[in-house]
Amino acid sequence: MYPIELAKARMVGCTILSFDVAESGKAENIQTDISIPNTKISQHAKSIVSQWQTDQTPTVKESHTVRLDFCLGLESLEKTQQACAKQVQLSCE
């Protein structure tokens, strides 16, 4: 689900997060590497990642990096998919 706060502000963007997967399979130590256009995107991305649980529990802590794009829908599914496909090609730096 698109975060309501971001949708109301019509905010789109991306964030890159680094995190560890604990032996329990949960994401922990979630850190923002980059967040565009601002930290509101990062806050919602951290919330999403904190809820992840892997099916394959690691035997040791693993470090990962992930990019999450927030792309708001337009007037049709086709136009939304086109806009989001362009967004993921943009640099998140």
C-alpha atoms as a PDB file:
ATOM      1  CA  MET A   1       0.000   0.000   0.000  1.00  0.00           C
ATOM      2  CA  TYR A   2       1.215   3.491  -0.840  1.00  0.00           C
ATOM      3  CA  PRO A   3       1.729   5.459   2.388  1.00  0.00           C
ATOM      4  CA  ILE A   4      -1.279   7.765   2.879  1.00  0.00           C
ATOM      5  CA  GLU A   5       0.867  10.701   4.034  1.00  0.00           C
ATOM      6  CA  LEU A   6       2.920  10.512   0.833  1.00  0.00           C
ATOM      7  CA  ALA A   7      -0.161  10.102  -1.366  1.00  0.00           C
ATOM      8  CA  LYS A   8      -1.853  13.164   0.156  1.00  0.00           C
ATOM      9  CA  ALA A   9       1.293  15.189  -0.542  1.00  0.00           C
ATOM     10  CA  ARG A  10       1.552  13.587  -4.032  1.00  0.00           C
ATOM     11  CA  MET A  11       5.147  12.769  -3.089  1.00  0.00           C
ATOM     12  CA  VAL A  12       7.208  10.384  -5.165  1.00  0.00           C
ATOM     13  CA  GLY A  13      10.842   9.442  -4.761  1.00  0.00           C
ATOM     14  CA  CYS A  14      13.268   6.764  -3.748  1.00  0.00           C
ATOM     15  CA  THR A  15      15.410   5.701  -0.860  1.00  0.00           C
ATOM     16  CA  ILE A  16      18.344   3.366  -0.455  1.00  0.00           C
ATOM     17  CA  LEU A  17      18.571   1.532   2.854  1.00  0.00           C
ATOM     18  CA  SER A  18      21.217  -0.689   4.392  1.00  0.00           C
ATOM     19  CA  PHE A  19      20.181  -3.265   6.968  1.00  0.00           C
ATOM     20  CA  ASP A  20      21.107  -6.533   8.579  1.00  0.00           C
ATOM     21  CA  VAL A  21      19.068  -9.713   8.597  1.00  0.00           C
ATOM     22  CA  ALA A  22      19.368 -11.244  12.039  1.00  0.00           C
ATOM     23  CA  GLU A  23      19.478 -14.967  12.703  1.00  0.00           C
ATOM     24  CA  SER A  24      15.781 -14.637  13.544  1.00  0.00           C
ATOM     25  CA  GLY A  25      15.149 -13.599   9.915  1.00  0.00           C
ATOM     26  CA  LYS A  26      14.053 -10.052  10.818  1.00  0.00           C
ATOM     27  CA  ALA A  27      15.545  -6.852   9.395  1.00  0.00           C
ATOM     28  CA  GLU A  28      17.433  -4.789  11.958  1.00  0.00           C
ATOM     29  CA  ASN A  29      19.914  -1.887  12.118  1.00  0.00           C
ATOM     30  CA  ILE A  30      18.068  -0.187   9.241  1.00  0.00           C
ATOM     31  CA  GLN A  31      19.994   2.877   8.044  1.00  0.00           C
ATOM     32  CA  THR A  32      19.192   5.405   5.331  1.00  0.00           C
ATOM     33  CA  ASP A  33      21.955   5.773   2.754  1.00  0.00           C
ATOM     34  CA  ILE A  34      20.045   8.106   0.407  1.00  0.00           C
ATOM     35  CA  SER A  35      16.518   9.537   0.453  1.00  0.00           C
ATOM     36  CA  ILE A  36      15.071  11.679  -2.341  1.00  0.00           C
ATOM     37  CA  PRO A  37      13.346  14.106  -2.166  1.00  0.00           C
ATOM     38  CA  ASN A  38      13.441  14.111   1.661  1.00  0.00           C
ATOM     39  CA  THR A  39      13.410  12.031   4.830  1.00  0.00           C
ATOM     40  CA  LYS A  40       9.635  11.411   4.757  1.00  0.00           C
ATOM     41  CA  ILE A  41      10.278   8.839   2.021  1.00  0.00           C
ATOM     42  CA  SER A  42      12.974   7.254   4.184  1.00  0.00           C
ATOM     43  CA  GLN A  43      10.711   7.013   7.234  1.00  0.00           C
ATOM     44  CA  HIS A  44       8.100   5.062   5.298  1.00  0.00           C
ATOM     45  CA  ALA A  45      10.719   2.868   3.626  1.00  0.00           C
ATOM     46  CA  LYS A  46      12.218   1.979   7.028  1.00  0.00           C
ATOM     47  CA  SER A  47       8.769   1.041   8.286  1.00  0.00           C
ATOM     48  CA  ILE A  48       8.266  -1.287   5.319  1.00  0.00           C
ATOM     49  CA  VAL A  49      11.664  -2.983   5.679  1.00  0.00           C
ATOM     50  CA  SER A  50      11.230  -3.396   9.445  1.00  0.00           C
ATOM     51  CA  GLN A  51       8.204  -5.621   8.737  1.00  0.00           C
ATOM     52  CA  TRP A  52      10.102  -7.979   6.425  1.00  0.00           C
ATOM     53  CA  GLN A  53      10.707 -11.540   7.551  1.00  0.00           C
ATOM     54  CA  THR A  54      12.760 -13.908   5.427  1.00  0.00           C
ATOM     55  CA  ASP A  55      11.622 -17.472   4.801  1.00  0.00           C
ATOM     56  CA  GLN A  56      15.220 -18.646   4.719  1.00  0.00           C
ATOM     57  CA  THR A  57      16.619 -17.839   8.141  1.00  0.00           C
ATOM     58  CA  PRO A  58      20.344 -17.117   7.886  1.00  0.00           C
ATOM     59  CA  THR A  59      22.748 -18.980  10.159  1.00  0.00           C
ATOM     60  CA  VAL A  60      24.672 -15.722  10.699  1.00  0.00           C
ATOM     61  CA  LYS A  61      23.729 -12.060  10.444  1.00  0.00           C
ATOM     62  CA  GLU A  62      23.696 -10.860   6.804  1.00  0.00           C
ATOM     63  CA  SER A  63      24.060  -7.289   5.528  1.00  0.00           C
ATOM     64  CA  HIS A  64      21.926  -6.038   2.632  1.00  0.00           C
ATOM     65  CA  THR A  65      21.172  -2.885   0.671  1.00  0.00           C
ATOM     66  CA  VAL A  66      17.833  -2.215  -1.007  1.00  0.00           C
ATOM     67  CA  ARG A  67      16.313   0.566  -3.092  1.00  0.00           C
ATOM     68  CA  LEU A  68      12.614   1.306  -2.660  1.00  0.00           C
ATOM     69  CA  ASP A  69      10.824   3.521  -5.161  1.00  0.00           C
ATOM     70  CA  PHE A  70       7.597   5.304  -4.317  1.00  0.00           C
ATOM     71  CA  CYS A  71       5.690   5.991  -7.535  1.00  0.00           C
ATOM     72  CA  LEU A  72       2.212   7.450  -7.361  1.00  0.00           C
ATOM     73  CA  GLY A  73      -0.473   6.264  -9.773  1.00  0.00           C
ATOM     74  CA  LEU A  74      -1.694   8.410 -12.596  1.00  0.00           C
ATOM     75  CA  GLU A  75      -4.971   8.336 -14.507  1.00  0.00           C
ATOM     76  CA  SER A  76      -4.572   4.798 -15.863  1.00  0.00           C
ATOM     77  CA  LEU A  77      -2.703   1.609 -15.013  1.00  0.00           C
ATOM     78  CA  GLU A  78      -0.740   1.815 -18.274  1.00  0.00           C
ATOM     79  CA  LYS A  79       0.410   5.409 -17.616  1.00  0.00           C
ATOM     80  CA  THR A  80       1.284   4.538 -14.021  1.00  0.00           C
ATOM     81  CA  GLN A  81       3.397   1.592 -15.130  1.00  0.00           C
ATOM     82  CA  GLN A  82       5.168   3.782 -17.696  1.00  0.00           C
ATOM     83  CA  ALA A  83       5.894   6.520 -15.129  1.00  0.00           C
ATOM     84  CA  CYS A  84       7.176   4.022 -12.579  1.00  0.00           C
ATOM     85  CA  ALA A  85       9.344   2.253 -15.148  1.00  0.00           C
ATOM     86  CA  LYS A  86      10.994   5.621 -15.927  1.00  0.00           C
ATOM     87  CA  GLN A  87      11.428   6.439 -12.239  1.00  0.00           C
ATOM     88  CA  VAL A  88      13.332   3.258 -11.403  1.00  0.00           C
ATOM     89  CA  GLN A  89      15.830   4.164 -14.126  1.00  0.00           C
ATOM     90  CA  LEU A  90      16.637   7.474 -12.405  1.00  0.00           C
ATOM     91  CA  SER A  91      19.644   7.816 -10.170  1.00  0.00           C
ATOM     92  CA  CYS A  92      18.803   7.781  -6.485  1.00  0.00           C
ATOM     93  CA  GLU A  93      21.899   9.763  -5.496  1.00  0.00           C
END
